[in-house]
Protein backbone atom coordinates (compact mmCIF):
# COMPACT_ATOMS: atom_id res chain seq x y z
CA MET A 1 -22.70 17.78 20.04
CA VAL A 2 -21.25 18.28 23.52
CA SER A 3 -23.02 16.03 25.97
CA ARG A 4 -24.58 17.50 29.09
CA SER A 5 -24.05 14.17 30.82
CA GLY A 6 -20.31 14.61 31.15
CA ALA A 7 -19.58 11.90 28.57
CA ASN A 8 -16.97 14.20 27.05
CA ASP A 9 -15.12 14.21 30.39
CA LEU A 10 -15.14 10.42 30.50
CA ALA A 11 -13.84 9.89 26.98
CA LEU A 12 -10.89 12.24 26.90
CA TRP A 13 -9.10 9.88 24.52
CA SER A 14 -11.83 10.14 21.90
CA ARG A 15 -11.52 12.21 18.75
CA VAL A 16 -14.48 13.25 16.64
CA ALA A 17 -14.43 14.88 13.21
CA CYS A 18 -17.21 17.38 12.54
CA ALA A 19 -17.98 18.27 8.94
CA HIS A 20 -19.14 21.64 7.61
CA LEU A 21 -16.72 23.61 9.83
CA GLY A 22 -18.31 22.10 12.90
CA GLY A 23 -21.84 23.20 12.13
CA VAL A 24 -21.99 25.18 15.35
CA ASP A 25 -22.13 28.83 16.19
CA ARG A 26 -18.92 29.18 18.15
CA SER A 27 -19.77 32.79 19.04
CA SER A 28 -21.89 31.46 21.92
CA ALA A 29 -19.61 28.55 22.79
CA ASN A 30 -18.55 29.97 26.14
CA ARG A 31 -22.13 30.01 27.48
CA ARG A 32 -22.62 27.54 30.29
CA GLY A 33 -26.27 28.24 30.99
CA MET A 34 -27.61 25.10 29.33
CA CYS A 35 -24.66 22.94 30.36
CA LYS A 36 -24.06 23.74 34.02
CA ASP A 37 -22.76 20.24 34.78
CA LEU A 38 -19.82 20.44 32.37
CA LYS A 39 -16.34 20.70 33.85
CA LYS A 40 -15.14 22.98 31.02
CA ASN A 41 -16.76 25.42 28.63
CA ILE A 42 -18.02 24.13 25.29
CA LEU A 43 -15.19 25.74 23.32
CA SER A 44 -12.67 23.78 25.40
CA TYR A 45 -14.39 20.52 24.42
CA LEU A 46 -14.37 21.57 20.77
CA SER A 47 -10.67 22.40 20.94
CA ASP A 48 -9.67 19.26 22.85
CA ASN A 49 -11.88 16.48 21.48
CA PHE A 50 -13.04 17.54 18.04
CA PHE A 51 -11.51 17.99 14.62
CA ILE A 52 -13.38 20.16 12.16
CA THR A 53 -13.47 19.67 8.41
CA THR A 54 -14.06 22.22 5.68
CA SER A 55 -16.46 19.99 3.75
CA GLY A 56 -19.49 21.84 2.49
CA VAL A 57 -18.31 25.26 3.66
CA PHE A 58 -15.90 26.98 1.31
CA ARG A 59 -16.27 30.45 2.71
CA THR A 60 -13.08 32.22 3.69
CA GLN A 61 -14.54 34.14 6.63
CA ALA A 62 -15.97 30.94 8.12
CA LEU A 63 -12.55 29.26 7.88
CA LEU A 64 -10.79 32.26 9.45
CA ASN A 65 -13.30 32.37 12.31
CA THR A 66 -12.83 28.66 12.92
CA MET A 67 -9.05 29.06 12.91
CA LEU A 68 -9.34 31.81 15.51
CA GLU A 69 -11.60 29.72 17.74
CA VAL A 70 -10.00 26.26 17.61
CA SER A 71 -6.69 26.83 15.74
CA SER A 72 -5.50 25.41 12.47
CA ASP A 73 -4.25 22.34 14.37
CA ARG A 74 -7.84 21.07 14.61
CA ILE A 75 -9.03 21.72 11.03
CA LEU A 76 -8.85 19.32 8.08
CA PHE A 77 -9.42 20.20 4.44
CA SER A 78 -12.09 18.00 2.88
CA THR A 79 -14.88 18.06 0.34
CA ASP A 80 -18.47 16.92 0.45
CA TYR A 81 -18.37 14.62 -2.59
CA PRO A 82 -20.56 14.10 -4.58
CA TYR A 83 -22.38 17.29 -3.58
CA GLU A 84 -19.52 19.61 -4.47
CA SER A 85 -16.57 19.64 -6.81
CA ALA A 86 -13.19 18.70 -5.34
CA GLU A 87 -11.57 20.88 -7.99
CA ASP A 88 -13.60 23.94 -6.93
CA ALA A 89 -12.87 23.26 -3.27
CA ALA A 90 -9.13 22.88 -3.93
CA ALA A 91 -9.06 26.07 -6.01
CA TRP A 92 -10.69 27.98 -3.14
CA PHE A 93 -8.33 26.47 -0.56
CA ASP A 94 -5.22 27.13 -2.67
CA THR A 95 -6.05 30.84 -2.89
CA CYS A 96 -7.51 31.31 0.59
CA PRO A 97 -5.66 34.14 2.41
CA ILE A 98 -4.03 32.02 5.11
CA SER A 99 -0.37 31.41 5.86
CA GLU A 100 1.45 28.58 4.07
CA PRO A 101 2.18 26.77 7.36
CA ASP A 102 -1.57 26.84 8.15
CA ARG A 103 -2.40 25.70 4.59
CA VAL A 104 -0.03 22.72 4.94
CA LYS A 105 -1.43 21.83 8.39
CA ILE A 106 -5.06 22.04 7.27
CA GLY A 107 -4.35 20.50 3.87
CA ARG A 108 -2.44 17.42 5.03
CA GLU A 109 -0.40 17.45 8.25
CA THR A 110 -3.32 17.35 10.69
CA ALA A 111 -4.96 14.47 8.83
CA ALA A 112 -1.64 12.61 8.68
CA LYS A 113 -1.24 12.91 12.46
CA LEU A 114 -4.87 12.07 13.22
CA PHE A 115 -4.91 8.96 11.03
CA ASN A 116 -1.29 7.93 11.77
CA ILE A 117 -0.19 8.31 8.15
CA VAL A 118 3.57 8.41 7.77
CA ALA A 119 4.73 11.01 5.29
CA THR A 120 7.47 10.10 2.86
CA ALA A 121 9.48 12.25 0.49
CA ALA A 122 6.47 12.06 -1.81
CA ASP A 123 4.47 14.22 0.59
CA ARG A 124 5.90 17.29 -1.11
CA THR A 125 3.63 16.38 -4.02
CA GLY A 126 0.68 15.99 -1.67
CA VAL A 127 0.83 12.18 -1.74
CA LEU A 128 0.98 10.40 1.63
CA THR A 129 1.68 6.71 2.04
CA HIS A 130 0.92 4.28 4.84
C-alpha cells in the first residue's frame, strides 16, 4: 500500500481509508529493507496518510494493536455490509474494552472530521447532519 516510488511523499494532502484494520502486519512496519527510497518508515506513512476502518475485523486484540500503532485518531468504526451484520458489529464495538473517549472518536468523531460533517445537538444520539 505504501509506494516505493515516493508517491506518498508527493501527495501529503491525500487521505486513504483502509478497510479490515488496514490489512497489514504492522509488526514489521518499521522495516526499511524493501523500501530504501522512502523518506520515512512505513508506520509513519500509515499514521500520517491513512485512516483504518474496523470493517470485517471485529476482534478486540486486533483493534487494540491498531490503536497502539496508529492511535484511535486514525480509526473509523464501520461494517462490511452485506457480508456481516451491523447489529453484531455494533454489539461488539459497544462492549469492546476501550475508553469512552476512544469509543466516541472511533465511532463518530474521526469520520465527522474526515468527511467534514458538522455535528449538531443530535450527535448525542449518534445522528450527524450535514
